[in-house]
């Protein structure tokens, strides 16, 4: 199955090439932008090293007019890409974070976690957990000076939304010291399951559905099946222990993963979890629309809604 998925990658991800030796090449891996003072938003950014031995790094964003006497929420952001592509340093995510940080008036850490298949799951989760704990160690100047660790949020799109959920589950089970997780937001979350639901069974999406079913095992060869809790929260017996008090989910009408987001909303609303969840469906839009086209009205509206979620 691994070879079958490997050979199919370029069809579904044009930014990937597969060599004769079976190694994958991310064709846009060098398409990165440096940290900067963004002229459009006034947001500053810088890159930091979290763990040199595993090349774990992040880009930190600081909103304009940040004041050390008025601490701001701290947002951890995880990019999407099915766990196999994407970068915190890409032009797309750099722009997205600049806009989100300016609107939310929050400090943000955009994590450049390790990718599969070179680093299979749970590497992305371990990287994300390590970065969360690192933020509370007191060694990063911007976090120390400007961030309020009693108001921490996690968010991401697609696979990044999956990471945000699974980090919140780990916060709930381990109750780590040093920070307080207030909430998470999930943009078109990348979840799965053994049994297809909703849009996944629609004829126009069947090709993607069948590929994604195999892709889960490709990024995590040790996976038992697609009903493991990290893939399908609805099958996680510990779901009521989600370690935050509020959740915002966005789904898109034309996204074949839409019903996974609604299912997540249903499960979390009925499992005994004591928090509040809201699920918003955006008509006429496709997967991670607000990341791909952030300057459209629906993209702008979503960023404003996420900013409000972080601040209220």
C-alpha atoms as a PDB file:
ATOM      1  CA  UNK A   1       0.000   0.000   0.000  1.00  0.00           C
ATOM      2  CA  UNK A   2       2.887   2.376   0.747  1.00  0.00           C
ATOM      3  CA  UNK A   3       4.194   2.111  -2.824  1.00  0.00           C
ATOM      4  CA  UNK A   4       0.686   2.681  -4.181  1.00  0.00           C
ATOM      5  CA  UNK A   5       0.311   5.874  -2.139  1.00  0.00           C
ATOM      6  CA  UNK A   6       3.831   6.996  -3.015  1.00  0.00           C
ATOM      7  CA  UNK A   7       3.173   6.670  -6.735  1.00  0.00           C
ATOM      8  CA  UNK A   8      -0.128   8.552  -6.393  1.00  0.00           C
ATOM      9  CA  UNK A   9       1.289  11.526  -4.493  1.00  0.00           C
ATOM     10  CA  UNK A  10       2.141  13.704  -7.540  1.00  0.00           C
ATOM     11  CA  UNK A  11      -1.407  13.302  -8.865  1.00  0.00           C
ATOM     12  CA  UNK A  12      -2.971  14.654  -5.688  1.00  0.00           C
ATOM     13  CA  UNK A  13      -0.117  16.957  -4.655  1.00  0.00           C
ATOM     14  CA  UNK A  14       1.467  18.596  -7.744  1.00  0.00           C
ATOM     15  CA  UNK A  15       4.149  20.099  -5.501  1.00  0.00           C
ATOM     16  CA  UNK A  16       5.570  16.608  -4.872  1.00  0.00           C
ATOM     17  CA  UNK A  17       7.800  14.554  -7.169  1.00  0.00           C
ATOM     18  CA  UNK A  18       8.796  10.952  -6.516  1.00  0.00           C
ATOM     19  CA  UNK A  19      12.246   9.794  -7.579  1.00  0.00           C
ATOM     20  CA  UNK A  20      13.190   6.364  -8.912  1.00  0.00           C
ATOM     21  CA  UNK A  21      14.584   5.480  -5.505  1.00  0.00           C
ATOM     22  CA  UNK A  22      11.200   6.163  -3.899  1.00  0.00           C
ATOM     23  CA  UNK A  23      12.314   9.383  -2.235  1.00  0.00           C
ATOM     24  CA  UNK A  24       9.879  12.267  -2.364  1.00  0.00           C
ATOM     25  CA  UNK A  25      10.907  15.767  -3.333  1.00  0.00           C
ATOM     26  CA  UNK A  26       8.860  18.787  -2.250  1.00  0.00           C
ATOM     27  CA  UNK A  27       9.200  21.021  -5.271  1.00  0.00           C
ATOM     28  CA  UNK A  28       8.267  24.185  -3.401  1.00  0.00           C
ATOM     29  CA  UNK A  29      10.376  23.462  -0.321  1.00  0.00           C
ATOM     30  CA  UNK A  30      12.592  26.442  -1.127  1.00  0.00           C
ATOM     31  CA  UNK A  31       9.609  28.748  -1.632  1.00  0.00           C
ATOM     32  CA  UNK A  32      10.023  30.549   1.669  1.00  0.00           C
ATOM     33  CA  UNK A  33      10.056  34.159   2.792  1.00  0.00           C
ATOM     34  CA  UNK A  34      12.173  35.647   5.579  1.00  0.00           C
ATOM     35  CA  UNK A  35      10.739  37.099   8.776  1.00  0.00           C
ATOM     36  CA  UNK A  36      10.020  40.786   8.433  1.00  0.00           C
ATOM     37  CA  UNK A  37       8.206  43.904   9.487  1.00  0.00           C
ATOM     38  CA  UNK A  38       5.090  43.533   7.355  1.00  0.00           C
ATOM     39  CA  UNK A  39       4.266  46.896   5.745  1.00  0.00           C
ATOM     40  CA  UNK A  40       0.588  46.046   5.265  1.00  0.00           C
ATOM     41  CA  UNK A  41      -0.155  45.129   8.881  1.00  0.00           C
ATOM     42  CA  UNK A  42       2.748  46.414  10.968  1.00  0.00           C
ATOM     43  CA  UNK A  43       3.277  42.897  12.345  1.00  0.00           C
ATOM     44  CA  UNK A  44       6.880  41.938  13.161  1.00  0.00           C
ATOM     45  CA  UNK A  45       8.198  38.387  12.885  1.00  0.00           C
ATOM     46  CA  UNK A  46      11.356  36.479  13.683  1.00  0.00           C
ATOM     47  CA  UNK A  47      12.502  32.858  13.471  1.00  0.00           C
ATOM     48  CA  UNK A  48      13.510  30.858  16.519  1.00  0.00           C
ATOM     49  CA  UNK A  49      15.124  27.473  17.070  1.00  0.00           C
ATOM     50  CA  UNK A  50      13.304  25.241  19.534  1.00  0.00           C
ATOM     51  CA  UNK A  51      15.269  21.990  19.299  1.00  0.00           C
ATOM     52  CA  UNK A  52      18.404  22.005  17.163  1.00  0.00           C
ATOM     53  CA  UNK A  53      18.886  18.230  17.285  1.00  0.00           C
ATOM     54  CA  UNK A  54      15.647  17.642  15.364  1.00  0.00           C
ATOM     55  CA  UNK A  55      15.726  20.920  13.400  1.00  0.00           C
ATOM     56  CA  UNK A  56      12.538  22.082  15.100  1.00  0.00           C
ATOM     57  CA  UNK A  57      11.889  25.768  14.577  1.00  0.00           C
ATOM     58  CA  UNK A  58       9.094  28.313  14.454  1.00  0.00           C
ATOM     59  CA  UNK A  59       8.244  31.818  13.331  1.00  0.00           C
ATOM     60  CA  UNK A  60       7.008  34.163  16.043  1.00  0.00           C
ATOM     61  CA  UNK A  61       4.741  37.107  15.241  1.00  0.00           C
ATOM     62  CA  UNK A  62       4.265  40.279  17.276  1.00  0.00           C
ATOM     63  CA  UNK A  63       1.398  42.702  16.575  1.00  0.00           C
ATOM     64  CA  UNK A  64       2.012  46.432  16.160  1.00  0.00           C
ATOM     65  CA  UNK A  65       2.117  48.580  19.281  1.00  0.00           C
ATOM     66  CA  UNK A  66       2.682  45.581  21.572  1.00  0.00           C
ATOM     67  CA  UNK A  67       3.125  46.797  25.156  1.00  0.00           C
ATOM     68  CA  UNK A  68       4.903  44.711  27.844  1.00  0.00           C
ATOM     69  CA  UNK A  69       2.552  46.169  30.459  1.00  0.00           C
ATOM     70  CA  UNK A  70      -0.489  44.784  28.607  1.00  0.00           C
ATOM     71  CA  UNK A  71       0.111  41.100  27.981  1.00  0.00           C
ATOM     72  CA  UNK A  72      -1.540  39.538  24.909  1.00  0.00           C
ATOM     73  CA  UNK A  73      -3.015  36.099  24.155  1.00  0.00           C
ATOM     74  CA  UNK A  74      -0.552  33.541  22.824  1.00  0.00           C
ATOM     75  CA  UNK A  75      -1.582  31.574  19.735  1.00  0.00           C
ATOM     76  CA  UNK A  76       0.138  28.418  18.517  1.00  0.00           C
ATOM     77  CA  UNK A  77      -0.592  27.868  14.833  1.00  0.00           C
ATOM     78  CA  UNK A  78      -0.092  24.622  12.885  1.00  0.00           C
ATOM     79  CA  UNK A  79      -0.064  24.659   9.080  1.00  0.00           C
ATOM     80  CA  UNK A  80      -1.920  22.133   6.958  1.00  0.00           C
ATOM     81  CA  UNK A  81      -0.755  19.756   4.230  1.00  0.00           C
ATOM     82  CA  UNK A  82      -1.905  16.220   5.177  1.00  0.00           C
ATOM     83  CA  UNK A  83       1.207  15.961   7.393  1.00  0.00           C
ATOM     84  CA  UNK A  84       3.421  15.662   4.288  1.00  0.00           C
ATOM     85  CA  UNK A  85       3.724  19.154   2.788  1.00  0.00           C
ATOM     86  CA  UNK A  86       3.648  22.766   3.957  1.00  0.00           C
ATOM     87  CA  UNK A  87       5.918  25.112   5.850  1.00  0.00           C
ATOM     88  CA  UNK A  88       5.507  27.778   8.492  1.00  0.00           C
ATOM     89  CA  UNK A  89       7.887  29.881   6.390  1.00  0.00           C
ATOM     90  CA  UNK A  90       5.963  29.747   3.101  1.00  0.00           C
ATOM     91  CA  UNK A  91       4.576  32.972   1.591  1.00  0.00           C
ATOM     92  CA  UNK A  92       1.020  31.677   2.074  1.00  0.00           C
ATOM     93  CA  UNK A  93       1.314  31.032   5.796  1.00  0.00           C
ATOM     94  CA  UNK A  94       3.453  34.105   6.415  1.00  0.00           C
ATOM     95  CA  UNK A  95       0.693  36.282   4.968  1.00  0.00           C
ATOM     96  CA  UNK A  96      -2.030  34.384   6.792  1.00  0.00           C
ATOM     97  CA  UNK A  97      -0.311  34.787  10.159  1.00  0.00           C
ATOM     98  CA  UNK A  98       0.434  38.469   9.581  1.00  0.00           C
ATOM     99  CA  UNK A  99      -3.246  39.119   8.938  1.00  0.00           C
ATOM    100  CA  UNK A 100      -4.468  36.965  11.813  1.00  0.00           C
ATOM    101  CA  UNK A 101      -2.023  38.437  14.341  1.00  0.00           C
ATOM    102  CA  UNK A 102      -2.891  42.001  13.334  1.00  0.00           C
ATOM    103  CA  UNK A 103      -6.615  41.329  13.616  1.00  0.00           C
ATOM    104  CA  UNK A 104      -6.422  39.344  16.868  1.00  0.00           C
ATOM    105  CA  UNK A 105      -3.762  41.521  18.523  1.00  0.00           C
ATOM    106  CA  UNK A 106      -2.062  38.364  19.773  1.00  0.00           C
ATOM    107  CA  UNK A 107       1.436  36.920  19.850  1.00  0.00           C
ATOM    108  CA  UNK A 108       1.655  33.879  17.578  1.00  0.00           C
ATOM    109  CA  UNK A 109       4.039  30.956  17.208  1.00  0.00           C
ATOM    110  CA  UNK A 110       3.769  29.275  13.800  1.00  0.00           C
ATOM    111  CA  UNK A 111       5.433  25.882  14.168  1.00  0.00           C
ATOM    112  CA  UNK A 112       7.504  24.220  11.466  1.00  0.00           C
ATOM    113  CA  UNK A 113       6.954  20.632  12.590  1.00  0.00           C
ATOM    114  CA  UNK A 114       8.601  17.619  10.940  1.00  0.00           C
ATOM    115  CA  UNK A 115       6.805  16.020   7.992  1.00  0.00           C
ATOM    116  CA  UNK A 116       5.933  12.460   7.002  1.00  0.00           C
ATOM    117  CA  UNK A 117       6.878  10.062   5.528  1.00  0.00           C
ATOM    118  CA  UNK A 118      10.472  10.860   6.538  1.00  0.00           C
ATOM    119  CA  UNK A 119       9.200  11.513  10.068  1.00  0.00           C
ATOM    120  CA  UNK A 120       5.990   9.515  10.511  1.00  0.00           C
ATOM    121  CA  UNK A 121       3.256  10.395  12.969  1.00  0.00           C
ATOM    122  CA  UNK A 122       3.611  10.858  15.944  1.00  0.00           C
ATOM    123  CA  UNK A 123       6.618  13.100  15.079  1.00  0.00           C
ATOM    124  CA  UNK A 124       4.375  16.101  14.280  1.00  0.00           C
ATOM    125  CA  UNK A 125       2.543  15.630  17.588  1.00  0.00           C
ATOM    126  CA  UNK A 126       5.747  15.249  19.594  1.00  0.00           C
ATOM    127  CA  UNK A 127       7.174  18.382  17.962  1.00  0.00           C
ATOM    128  CA  UNK A 128       4.012  20.323  18.753  1.00  0.00           C
ATOM    129  CA  UNK A 129       3.997  19.184  22.368  1.00  0.00           C
ATOM    130  CA  UNK A 130       7.655  20.021  22.774  1.00  0.00           C
ATOM    131  CA  UNK A 131       7.041  23.521  21.420  1.00  0.00           C
ATOM    132  CA  UNK A 132       4.147  24.078  23.819  1.00  0.00           C
ATOM    133  CA  UNK A 133       6.293  23.157  26.792  1.00  0.00           C
ATOM    134  CA  UNK A 134       9.176  25.243  25.425  1.00  0.00           C
ATOM    135  CA  UNK A 135       6.940  28.326  25.399  1.00  0.00           C
ATOM    136  CA  UNK A 136       6.483  28.020  29.171  1.00  0.00           C
ATOM    137  CA  UNK A 137      10.192  27.641  29.952  1.00  0.00           C
ATOM    138  CA  UNK A 138      10.811  31.390  29.894  1.00  0.00           C
ATOM    139  CA  UNK A 139      13.654  31.430  27.382  1.00  0.00           C
ATOM    140  CA  UNK A 140      12.020  33.358  24.517  1.00  0.00           C
ATOM    141  CA  UNK A 141      12.109  37.156  24.821  1.00  0.00           C
ATOM    142  CA  UNK A 142       8.935  38.065  22.910  1.00  0.00           C
ATOM    143  CA  UNK A 143       6.894  35.426  24.719  1.00  0.00           C
ATOM    144  CA  UNK A 144       8.268  36.540  28.085  1.00  0.00           C
ATOM    145  CA  UNK A 145       7.682  40.227  27.458  1.00  0.00           C
ATOM    146  CA  UNK A 146       4.389  40.269  25.586  1.00  0.00           C
ATOM    147  CA  UNK A 147       2.482  36.973  25.945  1.00  0.00           C
ATOM    148  CA  UNK A 148      -0.028  36.039  28.631  1.00  0.00           C
ATOM    149  CA  UNK A 149       0.469  32.320  29.264  1.00  0.00           C
ATOM    150  CA  UNK A 150      -2.863  32.160  31.072  1.00  0.00           C
ATOM    151  CA  UNK A 151      -4.525  32.859  27.692  1.00  0.00           C
ATOM    152  CA  UNK A 152      -3.104  30.299  25.278  1.00  0.00           C
ATOM    153  CA  UNK A 153      -4.907  29.231  22.095  1.00  0.00           C
ATOM    154  CA  UNK A 154      -4.156  26.566  19.517  1.00  0.00           C
ATOM    155  CA  UNK A 155      -5.293  26.688  15.916  1.00  0.00           C
ATOM    156  CA  UNK A 156      -4.624  25.369  12.471  1.00  0.00           C
ATOM    157  CA  UNK A 157      -6.011  24.383   9.110  1.00  0.00           C
ATOM    158  CA  UNK A 158      -6.569  20.864   7.766  1.00  0.00           C
ATOM    159  CA  UNK A 159      -3.842  18.629   9.278  1.00  0.00           C
ATOM    160  CA  UNK A 160      -2.889  21.579  11.470  1.00  0.00           C
ATOM    161  CA  UNK A 161      -6.404  21.556  12.899  1.00  0.00           C
ATOM    162  CA  UNK A 162      -5.943  17.865  13.650  1.00  0.00           C
ATOM    163  CA  UNK A 163      -2.748  18.743  15.555  1.00  0.00           C
ATOM    164  CA  UNK A 164      -4.519  21.492  17.504  1.00  0.00           C
ATOM    165  CA  UNK A 165      -7.208  19.045  18.624  1.00  0.00           C
ATOM    166  CA  UNK A 166      -4.704  16.372  19.616  1.00  0.00           C
ATOM    167  CA  UNK A 167      -2.578  18.842  21.564  1.00  0.00           C
ATOM    168  CA  UNK A 168      -5.705  19.931  23.455  1.00  0.00           C
ATOM    169  CA  UNK A 169      -6.400  16.271  24.242  1.00  0.00           C
ATOM    170  CA  UNK A 170      -2.892  15.894  25.640  1.00  0.00           C
ATOM    171  CA  UNK A 171      -3.278  19.059  27.708  1.00  0.00           C
ATOM    172  CA  UNK A 172      -6.435  17.541  29.168  1.00  0.00           C
ATOM    173  CA  UNK A 173      -4.735  14.270  30.059  1.00  0.00           C
ATOM    174  CA  UNK A 174      -1.398  15.610  31.336  1.00  0.00           C
ATOM    175  CA  UNK A 175      -2.415  19.026  32.735  1.00  0.00           C
ATOM    176  CA  UNK A 176       1.040  20.552  32.145  1.00  0.00           C
ATOM    177  CA  UNK A 177       2.296  23.427  34.281  1.00  0.00           C
ATOM    178  CA  UNK A 178       3.264  26.825  32.955  1.00  0.00           C
ATOM    179  CA  UNK A 179       0.344  27.744  30.703  1.00  0.00           C
ATOM    180  CA  UNK A 180      -3.435  27.672  30.535  1.00  0.00           C
ATOM    181  CA  UNK A 181      -5.157  26.531  27.354  1.00  0.00           C
ATOM    182  CA  UNK A 182      -8.273  28.638  26.801  1.00  0.00           C
ATOM    183  CA  UNK A 183      -9.483  27.362  23.431  1.00  0.00           C
ATOM    184  CA  UNK A 184      -8.780  25.922  19.991  1.00  0.00           C
ATOM    185  CA  UNK A 185      -9.975  26.781  16.507  1.00  0.00           C
ATOM    186  CA  UNK A 186     -10.086  24.237  13.715  1.00  0.00           C
ATOM    187  CA  UNK A 187     -10.223  25.390  10.091  1.00  0.00           C
ATOM    188  CA  UNK A 188     -11.558  22.618   7.825  1.00  0.00           C
ATOM    189  CA  UNK A 189     -10.196  19.919  10.170  1.00  0.00           C
ATOM    190  CA  UNK A 190      -8.533  16.864   8.674  1.00  0.00           C
ATOM    191  CA  UNK A 191     -10.148  13.929  10.462  1.00  0.00           C
ATOM    192  CA  UNK A 192     -11.072  10.501   9.175  1.00  0.00           C
ATOM    193  CA  UNK A 193     -12.593   7.174  10.098  1.00  0.00           C
ATOM    194  CA  UNK A 194     -13.164   3.632   8.923  1.00  0.00           C
ATOM    195  CA  UNK A 195     -16.693   4.412   7.766  1.00  0.00           C
ATOM    196  CA  UNK A 196     -17.048   7.230   5.198  1.00  0.00           C
ATOM    197  CA  UNK A 197     -19.642   9.853   6.067  1.00  0.00           C
ATOM    198  CA  UNK A 198     -21.511  12.601   4.245  1.00  0.00           C
ATOM    199  CA  UNK A 199     -19.550  14.270   1.463  1.00  0.00           C
ATOM    200  CA  UNK A 200     -16.930  11.504   1.506  1.00  0.00           C
ATOM    201  CA  UNK A 201     -19.466   9.230  -0.177  1.00  0.00           C
ATOM    202  CA  UNK A 202     -20.383  11.744  -2.916  1.00  0.00           C
ATOM    203  CA  UNK A 203     -19.366  10.590  -6.394  1.00  0.00           C
ATOM    204  CA  UNK A 204     -17.352  13.740  -7.177  1.00  0.00           C
ATOM    205  CA  UNK A 205     -15.209  13.179  -4.082  1.00  0.00           C
ATOM    206  CA  UNK A 206     -14.727   9.401  -4.170  1.00  0.00           C
ATOM    207  CA  UNK A 207     -11.301   9.597  -5.802  1.00  0.00           C
ATOM    208  CA  UNK A 208     -10.010  11.854  -3.029  1.00  0.00           C
ATOM    209  CA  UNK A 209     -11.760   9.773  -0.361  1.00  0.00           C
ATOM    210  CA  UNK A 210     -10.105   6.544  -1.479  1.00  0.00           C
ATOM    211  CA  UNK A 211      -6.689   8.187  -1.655  1.00  0.00           C
ATOM    212  CA  UNK A 212      -7.014   9.787   1.790  1.00  0.00           C
ATOM    213  CA  UNK A 213      -8.076   6.449   3.292  1.00  0.00           C
ATOM    214  CA  UNK A 214      -4.692   5.051   2.262  1.00  0.00           C
ATOM    215  CA  UNK A 215      -2.767   8.228   3.090  1.00  0.00           C
ATOM    216  CA  UNK A 216      -3.466   7.898   6.829  1.00  0.00           C
ATOM    217  CA  UNK A 217      -1.463   4.667   6.986  1.00  0.00           C
ATOM    218  CA  UNK A 218       1.256   6.162   4.818  1.00  0.00           C
ATOM    219  CA  UNK A 219       1.927   9.004   7.291  1.00  0.00           C
ATOM    220  CA  UNK A 220       1.571   6.632  10.280  1.00  0.00           C
ATOM    221  CA  UNK A 221       2.639   3.057   9.430  1.00  0.00           C
ATOM    222  CA  UNK A 222       2.069   1.969  13.038  1.00  0.00           C
ATOM    223  CA  UNK A 223      -1.616   2.939  12.893  1.00  0.00           C
ATOM    224  CA  UNK A 224      -4.050   0.150  13.754  1.00  0.00           C
ATOM    225  CA  UNK A 225      -6.924   1.583  11.702  1.00  0.00           C
ATOM    226  CA  UNK A 226      -8.567   4.908  10.895  1.00  0.00           C
ATOM    227  CA  UNK A 227     -10.699   4.773  14.035  1.00  0.00           C
ATOM    228  CA  UNK A 228      -7.752   5.537  16.275  1.00  0.00           C
ATOM    229  CA  UNK A 229      -8.610   8.609  18.327  1.00  0.00           C
ATOM    230  CA  UNK A 230      -6.052  10.901  16.686  1.00  0.00           C
ATOM    231  CA  UNK A 231      -7.717  10.283  13.315  1.00  0.00           C
ATOM    232  CA  UNK A 232     -11.351   9.903  14.412  1.00  0.00           C
ATOM    233  CA  UNK A 233     -12.141  11.841  17.615  1.00  0.00           C
ATOM    234  CA  UNK A 234     -15.591  10.293  17.605  1.00  0.00           C
ATOM    235  CA  UNK A 235     -14.021   6.946  18.498  1.00  0.00           C
ATOM    236  CA  UNK A 236     -11.806   8.353  21.264  1.00  0.00           C
ATOM    237  CA  UNK A 237     -13.151   7.161  24.639  1.00  0.00           C
ATOM    238  CA  UNK A 238     -11.339  10.082  26.313  1.00  0.00           C
ATOM    239  CA  UNK A 239     -12.844  12.821  24.123  1.00  0.00           C
ATOM    240  CA  UNK A 240     -14.706  14.398  27.061  1.00  0.00           C
ATOM    241  CA  UNK A 241     -11.296  15.241  28.552  1.00  0.00           C
ATOM    242  CA  UNK A 242     -10.477  17.833  25.882  1.00  0.00           C
ATOM    243  CA  UNK A 243      -8.272  20.294  27.755  1.00  0.00           C
ATOM    244  CA  UNK A 244      -9.860  23.637  26.927  1.00  0.00           C
ATOM    245  CA  UNK A 245     -13.106  25.454  27.536  1.00  0.00           C
ATOM    246  CA  UNK A 246     -14.132  26.545  24.042  1.00  0.00           C
ATOM    247  CA  UNK A 247     -13.787  25.407  20.440  1.00  0.00           C
ATOM    248  CA  UNK A 248     -14.479  27.134  17.118  1.00  0.00           C
ATOM    249  CA  UNK A 249     -14.775  24.959  13.995  1.00  0.00           C
ATOM    250  CA  UNK A 250     -15.011  26.240  10.424  1.00  0.00           C
ATOM    251  CA  UNK A 251     -16.116  24.026   7.547  1.00  0.00           C
ATOM    252  CA  UNK A 252     -16.623  24.791   3.856  1.00  0.00           C
ATOM    253  CA  UNK A 253     -19.620  23.727   1.778  1.00  0.00           C
ATOM    254  CA  UNK A 254     -17.524  22.359  -1.111  1.00  0.00           C
ATOM    255  CA  UNK A 255     -14.982  20.523   1.083  1.00  0.00           C
ATOM    256  CA  UNK A 256     -15.372  16.740   1.135  1.00  0.00           C
ATOM    257  CA  UNK A 257     -14.148  16.836   4.746  1.00  0.00           C
ATOM    258  CA  UNK A 258     -17.020  19.132   5.736  1.00  0.00           C
ATOM    259  CA  UNK A 259     -19.049  16.443   7.457  1.00  0.00           C
ATOM    260  CA  UNK A 260     -16.061  15.398   9.573  1.00  0.00           C
ATOM    261  CA  UNK A 261     -16.149  18.882  11.068  1.00  0.00           C
ATOM    262  CA  UNK A 262     -19.873  18.648  11.759  1.00  0.00           C
ATOM    263  CA  UNK A 263     -19.413  15.163  13.220  1.00  0.00           C
ATOM    264  CA  UNK A 264     -16.718  16.541  15.534  1.00  0.00           C
ATOM    265  CA  UNK A 265     -19.162  19.233  16.630  1.00  0.00           C
ATOM    266  CA  UNK A 266     -21.825  16.600  17.332  1.00  0.00           C
ATOM    267  CA  UNK A 267     -19.473  14.328  19.269  1.00  0.00           C
ATOM    268  CA  UNK A 268     -18.041  17.106  21.411  1.00  0.00           C
ATOM    269  CA  UNK A 269     -21.505  18.487  22.136  1.00  0.00           C
ATOM    270  CA  UNK A 270     -22.772  15.150  23.440  1.00  0.00           C
ATOM    271  CA  UNK A 271     -19.812  13.462  25.142  1.00  0.00           C
ATOM    272  CA  UNK A 272     -19.941  15.166  28.532  1.00  0.00           C
ATOM    273  CA  UNK A 273     -17.266  17.749  27.786  1.00  0.00           C
ATOM    274  CA  UNK A 274     -18.103  20.897  29.766  1.00  0.00           C
ATOM    275  CA  UNK A 275     -16.973  23.507  27.234  1.00  0.00           C
ATOM    276  CA  UNK A 276     -18.670  25.421  24.443  1.00  0.00           C
ATOM    277  CA  UNK A 277     -18.335  24.624  20.734  1.00  0.00           C
ATOM    278  CA  UNK A 278     -19.493  26.484  17.646  1.00  0.00           C
ATOM    279  CA  UNK A 279     -19.363  25.133  14.093  1.00  0.00           C
ATOM    280  CA  UNK A 280     -19.659  27.572  11.175  1.00  0.00           C
ATOM    281  CA  UNK A 281     -20.252  26.441   7.586  1.00  0.00           C
ATOM    282  CA  UNK A 282     -19.308  28.850   4.798  1.00  0.00           C
ATOM    283  CA  UNK A 283     -21.392  28.525   1.644  1.00  0.00           C
ATOM    284  CA  UNK A 284     -19.777  28.147  -1.755  1.00  0.00           C
ATOM    285  CA  UNK A 285     -16.227  27.693  -0.463  1.00  0.00           C
ATOM    286  CA  UNK A 286     -13.697  24.854  -0.649  1.00  0.00           C
ATOM    287  CA  UNK A 287     -11.054  23.415   1.681  1.00  0.00           C
ATOM    288  CA  UNK A 288      -9.063  25.995   3.749  1.00  0.00           C
ATOM    289  CA  UNK A 289     -10.496  28.841   1.655  1.00  0.00           C
ATOM    290  CA  UNK A 290      -9.379  31.509   4.128  1.00  0.00           C
ATOM    291  CA  UNK A 291      -5.731  30.418   3.858  1.00  0.00           C
ATOM    292  CA  UNK A 292      -5.727  30.116   0.076  1.00  0.00           C
ATOM    293  CA  UNK A 293      -7.641  33.364  -0.553  1.00  0.00           C
ATOM    294  CA  UNK A 294      -7.366  35.484   2.603  1.00  0.00           C
ATOM    295  CA  UNK A 295      -8.244  38.741   0.837  1.00  0.00           C
ATOM    296  CA  UNK A 296     -11.727  37.624  -0.218  1.00  0.00           C
ATOM    297  CA  UNK A 297     -14.631  38.853   1.888  1.00  0.00           C
ATOM    298  CA  UNK A 298     -15.295  35.385   3.335  1.00  0.00           C
ATOM    299  CA  UNK A 299     -11.599  35.021   4.175  1.00  0.00           C
ATOM    300  CA  UNK A 300     -11.548  38.410   5.880  1.00  0.00           C
ATOM    301  CA  UNK A 301     -14.763  37.611   7.757  1.00  0.00           C
ATOM    302  CA  UNK A 302     -13.352  34.335   9.034  1.00  0.00           C
ATOM    303  CA  UNK A 303     -10.144  35.947  10.303  1.00  0.00           C
ATOM    304  CA  UNK A 304     -12.252  38.555  12.123  1.00  0.00           C
ATOM    305  CA  UNK A 305     -14.349  35.798  13.700  1.00  0.00           C
ATOM    306  CA  UNK A 306     -11.258  33.884  14.853  1.00  0.00           C
ATOM    307  CA  UNK A 307      -9.818  37.112  16.273  1.00  0.00           C
ATOM    308  CA  UNK A 308     -13.028  37.672  18.227  1.00  0.00           C
ATOM    309  CA  UNK A 309     -12.912  34.087  19.484  1.00  0.00           C
ATOM    310  CA  UNK A 310      -9.394  34.618  20.825  1.00  0.00           C
ATOM    311  CA  UNK A 311     -10.265  37.865  22.575  1.00  0.00           C
ATOM    312  CA  UNK A 312     -13.652  37.101  24.141  1.00  0.00           C
END
